[in-house]
Amino acid sequence: LTIMCFYFFGLSLNVATIMTFSVSFGIIVDATIHLLHASKEKFDEDELNHAIYMPVLISSLILILGFCCFIPHYFLPISQFGASMTLTIFFGAIYDLYV
């Protein structure tokens, strides 16, 4: 999904944007591991909300907002790095919390 958004937002594939995939996939996999562990353990709905879903959601939102700060940067690779990280973490959080 992020690669498809590159076309719509005018982003290019360069060293900075390619690097975002390894970094953001690591962040997304960490959240996925927490969610998979919670599915193996039989937590009740309240424990899932407090211990898993809210921390994953809040940390994803903080990362998205943090990387959004790079977008207005005048140096294009930094700007595109921020946009790529924002998009990838956004789509990863939606996927993790939906699936």
C-alpha atoms as a PDB file:
ATOM      1  CA  LEU A   1       0.000   0.000   0.000  1.00  0.00           C
ATOM      2  CA  THR A   2       2.830   2.372   0.768  1.00  0.00           C
ATOM      3  CA  ILE A   3       4.465   1.788  -2.607  1.00  0.00           C
ATOM      4  CA  MET A   4       1.121   2.515  -4.288  1.00  0.00           C
ATOM      5  CA  CYS A   5       0.901   5.767  -2.339  1.00  0.00           C
ATOM      6  CA  PHE A   6       4.341   6.787  -3.631  1.00  0.00           C
ATOM      7  CA  TYR A   7       2.780   7.538  -6.993  1.00  0.00           C
ATOM      8  CA  PHE A   8      -0.098   9.582  -5.557  1.00  0.00           C
ATOM      9  CA  PHE A   9       2.101  11.664  -3.234  1.00  0.00           C
ATOM     10  CA  GLY A  10       4.955  12.101  -5.712  1.00  0.00           C
ATOM     11  CA  LEU A  11       7.497  10.190  -3.628  1.00  0.00           C
ATOM     12  CA  SER A  12      10.520   8.534  -5.206  1.00  0.00           C
ATOM     13  CA  LEU A  13      12.425   5.382  -4.386  1.00  0.00           C
ATOM     14  CA  ASN A  14      15.789   6.438  -3.027  1.00  0.00           C
ATOM     15  CA  VAL A  15      18.122   5.324  -0.251  1.00  0.00           C
ATOM     16  CA  ALA A  16      16.098   7.118   2.422  1.00  0.00           C
ATOM     17  CA  THR A  17      12.711   5.761   1.363  1.00  0.00           C
ATOM     18  CA  ILE A  18      13.978   2.205   0.835  1.00  0.00           C
ATOM     19  CA  MET A  19      15.556   2.263   4.297  1.00  0.00           C
ATOM     20  CA  THR A  20      12.163   3.075   5.803  1.00  0.00           C
ATOM     21  CA  PHE A  21      10.823  -0.343   4.925  1.00  0.00           C
ATOM     22  CA  SER A  22      13.358  -2.217   7.045  1.00  0.00           C
ATOM     23  CA  VAL A  23      12.889   0.177   9.963  1.00  0.00           C
ATOM     24  CA  SER A  24       9.097   0.376   9.828  1.00  0.00           C
ATOM     25  CA  PHE A  25       8.653  -3.370   9.250  1.00  0.00           C
ATOM     26  CA  GLY A  26      10.650  -3.970  12.436  1.00  0.00           C
ATOM     27  CA  ILE A  27       8.334  -1.648  14.341  1.00  0.00           C
ATOM     28  CA  ILE A  28       5.245  -3.282  12.834  1.00  0.00           C
ATOM     29  CA  VAL A  29       6.499  -6.818  13.553  1.00  0.00           C
ATOM     30  CA  ASP A  30       7.027  -5.856  17.197  1.00  0.00           C
ATOM     31  CA  ALA A  31       3.367  -4.861  17.504  1.00  0.00           C
ATOM     32  CA  THR A  32       2.318  -8.013  15.652  1.00  0.00           C
ATOM     33  CA  ILE A  33       4.278 -10.210  18.088  1.00  0.00           C
ATOM     34  CA  HIS A  34       2.458  -8.599  21.023  1.00  0.00           C
ATOM     35  CA  LEU A  35      -0.890  -9.198  19.342  1.00  0.00           C
ATOM     36  CA  LEU A  36      -0.043 -12.816  18.469  1.00  0.00           C
ATOM     37  CA  HIS A  37       1.080 -13.501  22.027  1.00  0.00           C
ATOM     38  CA  ALA A  38      -2.160 -12.035  23.333  1.00  0.00           C
ATOM     39  CA  SER A  39      -4.164 -14.270  21.015  1.00  0.00           C
ATOM     40  CA  LYS A  40      -2.385 -17.362  22.373  1.00  0.00           C
ATOM     41  CA  GLU A  41      -2.999 -16.333  25.958  1.00  0.00           C
ATOM     42  CA  LYS A  42      -6.637 -16.233  26.886  1.00  0.00           C
ATOM     43  CA  PHE A  43      -6.972 -12.614  28.016  1.00  0.00           C
ATOM     44  CA  ASP A  44     -10.399 -11.192  28.652  1.00  0.00           C
ATOM     45  CA  GLU A  45     -11.564  -8.184  26.644  1.00  0.00           C
ATOM     46  CA  ASP A  46     -10.614  -5.639  29.314  1.00  0.00           C
ATOM     47  CA  GLU A  47      -7.060  -6.996  29.589  1.00  0.00           C
ATOM     48  CA  LEU A  48      -6.710  -6.977  25.804  1.00  0.00           C
ATOM     49  CA  ASN A  49      -7.782  -3.342  25.623  1.00  0.00           C
ATOM     50  CA  HIS A  50      -5.518  -2.150  28.443  1.00  0.00           C
ATOM     51  CA  ALA A  51      -2.467  -4.344  27.858  1.00  0.00           C
ATOM     52  CA  ILE A  52      -2.366  -4.781  24.080  1.00  0.00           C
ATOM     53  CA  TYR A  53      -4.683  -2.717  21.873  1.00  0.00           C
ATOM     54  CA  MET A  54      -4.293   0.697  23.502  1.00  0.00           C
ATOM     55  CA  PRO A  55      -0.473   0.539  23.797  1.00  0.00           C
ATOM     56  CA  VAL A  56      -0.162  -0.578  20.156  1.00  0.00           C
ATOM     57  CA  LEU A  57      -2.540   2.158  19.029  1.00  0.00           C
ATOM     58  CA  ILE A  58      -0.940   4.899  21.126  1.00  0.00           C
ATOM     59  CA  SER A  59       2.628   3.957  20.173  1.00  0.00           C
ATOM     60  CA  SER A  60       1.661   3.845  16.490  1.00  0.00           C
ATOM     61  CA  LEU A  61       0.029   7.274  16.734  1.00  0.00           C
ATOM     62  CA  ILE A  62       3.085   8.731  18.478  1.00  0.00           C
ATOM     63  CA  LEU A  63       5.375   7.314  15.793  1.00  0.00           C
ATOM     64  CA  ILE A  64       3.109   8.573  13.006  1.00  0.00           C
ATOM     65  CA  LEU A  65       3.010  12.078  14.496  1.00  0.00           C
ATOM     66  CA  GLY A  66       6.757  12.030  15.108  1.00  0.00           C
ATOM     67  CA  PHE A  67       7.603  11.059  11.549  1.00  0.00           C
ATOM     68  CA  CYS A  68       5.072  13.570  10.201  1.00  0.00           C
ATOM     69  CA  CYS A  69       7.400  16.248  11.603  1.00  0.00           C
ATOM     70  CA  PHE A  70       9.969  15.271   8.936  1.00  0.00           C
ATOM     71  CA  ILE A  71       7.563  15.886   6.049  1.00  0.00           C
ATOM     72  CA  PRO A  72       7.915  19.719   5.870  1.00  0.00           C
ATOM     73  CA  HIS A  73      11.751  19.476   5.894  1.00  0.00           C
ATOM     74  CA  TYR A  74      13.364  21.306   2.964  1.00  0.00           C
ATOM     75  CA  PHE A  75      15.769  18.417   2.160  1.00  0.00           C
ATOM     76  CA  LEU A  76      13.755  16.085  -0.084  1.00  0.00           C
ATOM     77  CA  PRO A  77      15.144  12.698   1.122  1.00  0.00           C
ATOM     78  CA  ILE A  78      14.362  13.583   4.738  1.00  0.00           C
ATOM     79  CA  SER A  79      10.873  14.724   3.779  1.00  0.00           C
ATOM     80  CA  GLN A  80      10.228  11.564   1.785  1.00  0.00           C
ATOM     81  CA  PHE A  81      11.653   9.428   4.601  1.00  0.00           C
ATOM     82  CA  GLY A  82       9.122  10.937   6.999  1.00  0.00           C
ATOM     83  CA  ALA A  83       6.254  10.468   4.562  1.00  0.00           C
ATOM     84  CA  SER A  84       7.230   6.868   3.834  1.00  0.00           C
ATOM     85  CA  MET A  85       7.601   5.979   7.529  1.00  0.00           C
ATOM     86  CA  THR A  86       4.289   7.653   8.324  1.00  0.00           C
ATOM     87  CA  LEU A  87       2.445   5.758   5.610  1.00  0.00           C
ATOM     88  CA  THR A  88       4.017   2.390   6.392  1.00  0.00           C
ATOM     89  CA  ILE A  89       3.406   2.602  10.143  1.00  0.00           C
ATOM     90  CA  PHE A  90      -0.148   3.823   9.519  1.00  0.00           C
ATOM     91  CA  PHE A  91      -0.953   0.893   7.229  1.00  0.00           C
ATOM     92  CA  GLY A  92       0.816  -1.529   9.579  1.00  0.00           C
ATOM     93  CA  ALA A  93      -1.198  -0.333  12.580  1.00  0.00           C
ATOM     94  CA  ILE A  94      -4.447  -0.673  10.667  1.00  0.00           C
ATOM     95  CA  TYR A  95      -3.478  -4.173   9.554  1.00  0.00           C
ATOM     96  CA  ASP A  96      -2.373  -5.232  13.061  1.00  0.00           C
ATOM     97  CA  LEU A  97      -5.455  -3.917  14.814  1.00  0.00           C
ATOM     98  CA  TYR A  98      -7.863  -5.124  12.143  1.00  0.00           C
ATOM     99  CA  VAL A  99      -6.485  -8.635  11.701  1.00  0.00           C
END
